Amino acid sequence: MQLLSHRINAVLEYTDPTHYKEAIKVNEALSREFPGFRALTVIDPLVYEGREIIFNRVSGLHMDGQDPPLSWAILAAFGNFTGGRVYIQSLNLFIRYEPGDVIAIRGRVLPHQIADDFIGQRITIPHFTHASVWRAVKNDTVFVK
């Protein structure tokens, strides 16, 4: 996962440098406060604290309600499949989502869904952060003011 974490961190850093710097501050604060979290950062350099590994799941239209409004949901696709798209409803936009693709969206702001138009085994790995984490370390930079 280290290589993927470096890639995800790079997406954050180059897409939104200000947010990336704040996410590092949150990560450092969590490392100071929680020894278990600090131990994990030695193994995995991911700046965000959230990651899931999902097999062949189709998600209905939703928004990521626990994410801060100004954070990113970064989705990575792996596996042996063909086809696949992410649909952004408010933009009426379908985005290709095939093995090796990485998509970054504001998951709390944009209603989205992972379509069922793929054949084979798809592994989706979303990376995210939650508002409760930012509040716990008293960083409010991801909230609309």
C-alpha atoms as a PDB file:
ATOM      1  CA  MET A   1       0.000   0.000   0.000  1.00  0.00           C
ATOM      2  CA  GLN A   2       2.987   2.326   0.384  1.00  0.00           C
ATOM      3  CA  LEU A   3       3.260   2.966  -3.362  1.00  0.00           C
ATOM      4  CA  LEU A   4      -0.456   3.707  -3.576  1.00  0.00           C
ATOM      5  CA  SER A   5      -0.205   6.016  -0.557  1.00  0.00           C
ATOM      6  CA  HIS A   6       2.573   8.013  -2.222  1.00  0.00           C
ATOM      7  CA  ARG A   7       0.438   8.331  -5.348  1.00  0.00           C
ATOM      8  CA  ILE A   8      -2.624   9.450  -3.379  1.00  0.00           C
ATOM      9  CA  ASN A   9      -0.532  11.952  -1.415  1.00  0.00           C
ATOM     10  CA  ALA A  10       0.818  13.336  -4.703  1.00  0.00           C
ATOM     11  CA  VAL A  11      -2.727  13.765  -6.041  1.00  0.00           C
ATOM     12  CA  LEU A  12      -3.583  15.768  -2.909  1.00  0.00           C
ATOM     13  CA  GLU A  13      -0.372  17.782  -2.982  1.00  0.00           C
ATOM     14  CA  TYR A  14      -0.641  18.844  -6.613  1.00  0.00           C
ATOM     15  CA  THR A  15      -4.435  19.193  -6.801  1.00  0.00           C
ATOM     16  CA  ASP A  16      -4.860  21.236  -3.620  1.00  0.00           C
ATOM     17  CA  PRO A  17      -1.512  22.262  -2.039  1.00  0.00           C
ATOM     18  CA  THR A  18      -3.121  24.314   0.732  1.00  0.00           C
ATOM     19  CA  HIS A  19      -5.376  21.447   1.812  1.00  0.00           C
ATOM     20  CA  TYR A  20      -2.455  19.010   1.574  1.00  0.00           C
ATOM     21  CA  LYS A  21      -0.413  21.121   4.023  1.00  0.00           C
ATOM     22  CA  GLU A  22      -3.346  21.226   6.443  1.00  0.00           C
ATOM     23  CA  ALA A  23      -3.855  17.455   6.103  1.00  0.00           C
ATOM     24  CA  ILE A  24      -0.207  16.964   7.055  1.00  0.00           C
ATOM     25  CA  LYS A  25      -0.790  19.094  10.164  1.00  0.00           C
ATOM     26  CA  VAL A  26      -3.765  16.897  11.076  1.00  0.00           C
ATOM     27  CA  ASN A  27      -1.693  13.765  10.477  1.00  0.00           C
ATOM     28  CA  GLU A  28       1.117  15.115  12.686  1.00  0.00           C
ATOM     29  CA  ALA A  29      -1.343  16.054  15.447  1.00  0.00           C
ATOM     30  CA  LEU A  30      -2.855  12.550  15.342  1.00  0.00           C
ATOM     31  CA  SER A  31       0.636  11.046  15.508  1.00  0.00           C
ATOM     32  CA  ARG A  32       1.469  13.109  18.604  1.00  0.00           C
ATOM     33  CA  GLU A  33      -1.827  12.282  20.324  1.00  0.00           C
ATOM     34  CA  PHE A  34      -2.227   8.607  19.442  1.00  0.00           C
ATOM     35  CA  PRO A  35       0.764   6.230  19.568  1.00  0.00           C
ATOM     36  CA  GLY A  36      -1.146   3.591  17.576  1.00  0.00           C
ATOM     37  CA  PHE A  37      -1.716   6.044  14.748  1.00  0.00           C
ATOM     38  CA  ARG A  38       1.958   7.036  14.849  1.00  0.00           C
ATOM     39  CA  ALA A  39       2.942   3.361  14.523  1.00  0.00           C
ATOM     40  CA  LEU A  40       0.755   3.009  11.420  1.00  0.00           C
ATOM     41  CA  THR A  41       2.334   6.062   9.774  1.00  0.00           C
ATOM     42  CA  VAL A  42       5.716   4.353  10.008  1.00  0.00           C
ATOM     43  CA  ILE A  43       4.315   1.504   7.899  1.00  0.00           C
ATOM     44  CA  ASP A  44       2.092   3.569   5.605  1.00  0.00           C
ATOM     45  CA  PRO A  45       2.741   7.228   4.676  1.00  0.00           C
ATOM     46  CA  LEU A  46      -0.870   8.055   3.668  1.00  0.00           C
ATOM     47  CA  VAL A  47      -1.699  11.626   4.738  1.00  0.00           C
ATOM     48  CA  TYR A  48      -5.431  10.924   5.119  1.00  0.00           C
ATOM     49  CA  GLU A  49      -6.528   8.580   7.906  1.00  0.00           C
ATOM     50  CA  GLY A  50      -9.267   6.778   5.977  1.00  0.00           C
ATOM     51  CA  ARG A  51      -9.090   3.977   3.440  1.00  0.00           C
ATOM     52  CA  GLU A  52     -11.380   1.115   2.461  1.00  0.00           C
ATOM     53  CA  ILE A  53     -10.849  -1.872   0.206  1.00  0.00           C
ATOM     54  CA  ILE A  54     -14.050  -2.754  -1.634  1.00  0.00           C
ATOM     55  CA  PHE A  55     -14.629  -5.753  -3.929  1.00  0.00           C
ATOM     56  CA  ASN A  56     -17.188  -5.565  -6.760  1.00  0.00           C
ATOM     57  CA  ARG A  57     -19.502  -3.171  -4.952  1.00  0.00           C
ATOM     58  CA  VAL A  58     -21.831  -0.873  -6.792  1.00  0.00           C
ATOM     59  CA  SER A  59     -22.757   2.234  -4.825  1.00  0.00           C
ATOM     60  CA  GLY A  60     -25.990   4.078  -5.320  1.00  0.00           C
ATOM     61  CA  LEU A  61     -26.151   7.818  -5.641  1.00  0.00           C
ATOM     62  CA  HIS A  62     -24.788   9.342  -2.426  1.00  0.00           C
ATOM     63  CA  MET A  63     -22.708  12.075  -0.854  1.00  0.00           C
ATOM     64  CA  ASP A  64     -19.951  11.335   1.651  1.00  0.00           C
ATOM     65  CA  GLY A  65     -21.681  12.870   4.675  1.00  0.00           C
ATOM     66  CA  GLN A  66     -18.856  12.319   7.160  1.00  0.00           C
ATOM     67  CA  ASP A  67     -16.230  13.983   4.966  1.00  0.00           C
ATOM     68  CA  PRO A  68     -15.495  17.674   5.474  1.00  0.00           C
ATOM     69  CA  PRO A  69     -16.889  19.829   2.627  1.00  0.00           C
ATOM     70  CA  LEU A  70     -13.459  20.964   1.426  1.00  0.00           C
ATOM     71  CA  SER A  71     -11.749  17.573   1.566  1.00  0.00           C
ATOM     72  CA  TRP A  72     -11.286  15.071  -1.225  1.00  0.00           C
ATOM     73  CA  ALA A  73     -12.472  11.536  -1.831  1.00  0.00           C
ATOM     74  CA  ILE A  74      -9.772   9.873  -3.908  1.00  0.00           C
ATOM     75  CA  LEU A  75     -10.842   6.648  -5.578  1.00  0.00           C
ATOM     76  CA  ALA A  76      -8.351   4.150  -7.020  1.00  0.00           C
ATOM     77  CA  ALA A  77      -9.426   1.224  -9.214  1.00  0.00           C
ATOM     78  CA  PHE A  78      -7.676  -2.138  -9.451  1.00  0.00           C
ATOM     79  CA  GLY A  79      -8.496  -5.636 -10.573  1.00  0.00           C
ATOM     80  CA  ASN A  80      -9.195  -7.576 -13.713  1.00  0.00           C
ATOM     81  CA  PHE A  81     -12.259  -5.909 -15.214  1.00  0.00           C
ATOM     82  CA  THR A  82     -13.427  -3.962 -18.211  1.00  0.00           C
ATOM     83  CA  GLY A  83     -15.767  -1.004 -18.269  1.00  0.00           C
ATOM     84  CA  GLY A  84     -16.734   0.966 -15.232  1.00  0.00           C
ATOM     85  CA  ARG A  85     -17.684   4.571 -14.626  1.00  0.00           C
ATOM     86  CA  VAL A  86     -18.281   7.076 -11.860  1.00  0.00           C
ATOM     87  CA  TYR A  87     -21.352   9.239 -12.341  1.00  0.00           C
ATOM     88  CA  ILE A  88     -21.440  12.807 -10.986  1.00  0.00           C
ATOM     89  CA  GLN A  89     -25.152  13.670 -10.954  1.00  0.00           C
ATOM     90  CA  SER A  90     -25.031  17.457 -10.587  1.00  0.00           C
ATOM     91  CA  LEU A  91     -22.680  17.704 -13.580  1.00  0.00           C
ATOM     92  CA  ASN A  92     -24.457  14.961 -15.555  1.00  0.00           C
ATOM     93  CA  LEU A  93     -20.968  13.551 -16.065  1.00  0.00           C
ATOM     94  CA  PHE A  94     -19.738   9.974 -16.467  1.00  0.00           C
ATOM     95  CA  ILE A  95     -16.031   9.471 -15.755  1.00  0.00           C
ATOM     96  CA  ARG A  96     -14.143   6.411 -16.957  1.00  0.00           C
ATOM     97  CA  TYR A  97     -13.105   4.222 -14.009  1.00  0.00           C
ATOM     98  CA  GLU A  98     -10.913   1.335 -15.114  1.00  0.00           C
ATOM     99  CA  PRO A  99      -7.941  -0.533 -13.594  1.00  0.00           C
ATOM    100  CA  GLY A 100      -5.192   1.919 -12.652  1.00  0.00           C
ATOM    101  CA  ASP A 101      -7.434   5.001 -12.734  1.00  0.00           C
ATOM    102  CA  VAL A 102      -7.494   7.467  -9.840  1.00  0.00           C
ATOM    103  CA  ILE A 103     -10.344   9.962  -9.480  1.00  0.00           C
ATOM    104  CA  ALA A 104     -10.455  12.833  -6.972  1.00  0.00           C
ATOM    105  CA  ILE A 105     -13.803  14.456  -6.160  1.00  0.00           C
ATOM    106  CA  ARG A 106     -15.311  16.516  -3.379  1.00  0.00           C
ATOM    107  CA  GLY A 107     -17.403  13.596  -2.134  1.00  0.00           C
ATOM    108  CA  ARG A 108     -19.327  15.661   0.406  1.00  0.00           C
ATOM    109  CA  VAL A 109     -20.283  18.274  -2.185  1.00  0.00           C
ATOM    110  CA  LEU A 110     -20.933  16.262  -5.348  1.00  0.00           C
ATOM    111  CA  PRO A 111     -23.564  13.508  -5.374  1.00  0.00           C
ATOM    112  CA  HIS A 112     -21.909  10.531  -7.075  1.00  0.00           C
ATOM    113  CA  GLN A 113     -22.241   6.835  -7.682  1.00  0.00           C
ATOM    114  CA  ILE A 114     -20.099   3.959  -8.864  1.00  0.00           C
ATOM    115  CA  ALA A 115     -21.919   2.437 -11.812  1.00  0.00           C
ATOM    116  CA  ASP A 116     -22.504  -1.273 -12.323  1.00  0.00           C
ATOM    117  CA  ASP A 117     -21.312  -1.254 -15.936  1.00  0.00           C
ATOM    118  CA  PHE A 118     -18.169  -3.343 -15.424  1.00  0.00           C
ATOM    119  CA  ILE A 119     -17.372  -6.977 -16.146  1.00  0.00           C
ATOM    120  CA  GLY A 120     -14.893  -8.923 -14.006  1.00  0.00           C
ATOM    121  CA  GLN A 121     -13.424  -8.349 -10.562  1.00  0.00           C
ATOM    122  CA  ARG A 122     -13.120  -4.696  -9.552  1.00  0.00           C
ATOM    123  CA  ILE A 123     -11.298  -3.526  -6.472  1.00  0.00           C
ATOM    124  CA  THR A 124     -12.058   0.038  -5.444  1.00  0.00           C
ATOM    125  CA  ILE A 125      -9.912   1.738  -2.816  1.00  0.00           C
ATOM    126  CA  PRO A 126     -11.366   5.061  -1.658  1.00  0.00           C
ATOM    127  CA  HIS A 127      -9.149   7.349   0.430  1.00  0.00           C
ATOM    128  CA  PHE A 128     -10.798   9.964   2.611  1.00  0.00           C
ATOM    129  CA  THR A 129     -10.777  11.951   5.802  1.00  0.00           C
ATOM    130  CA  HIS A 130     -13.618  12.560   8.236  1.00  0.00           C
ATOM    131  CA  ALA A 131     -14.768  15.823   9.765  1.00  0.00           C
ATOM    132  CA  SER A 132     -14.636  14.375  13.273  1.00  0.00           C
ATOM    133  CA  VAL A 133     -10.874  13.857  12.938  1.00  0.00           C
ATOM    134  CA  TRP A 134     -10.257  17.467  11.913  1.00  0.00           C
ATOM    135  CA  ARG A 135     -12.442  18.701  14.774  1.00  0.00           C
ATOM    136  CA  ALA A 136     -10.624  16.422  17.247  1.00  0.00           C
ATOM    137  CA  VAL A 137      -7.328  18.156  16.479  1.00  0.00           C
ATOM    138  CA  LYS A 138      -9.004  21.584  16.309  1.00  0.00           C
ATOM    139  CA  ASN A 139      -8.328  22.217  12.631  1.00  0.00           C
ATOM    140  CA  ASP A 140     -11.306  23.842  10.909  1.00  0.00           C
ATOM    141  CA  THR A 141      -9.685  24.671   7.553  1.00  0.00           C
ATOM    142  CA  VAL A 142     -11.824  22.108   5.687  1.00  0.00           C
ATOM    143  CA  PHE A 143     -15.105  23.643   6.754  1.00  0.00           C
ATOM    144  CA  VAL A 144     -16.905  26.335   4.813  1.00  0.00           C
ATOM    145  CA  LYS A 145     -16.762  29.581   6.751  1.00  0.00           C
END
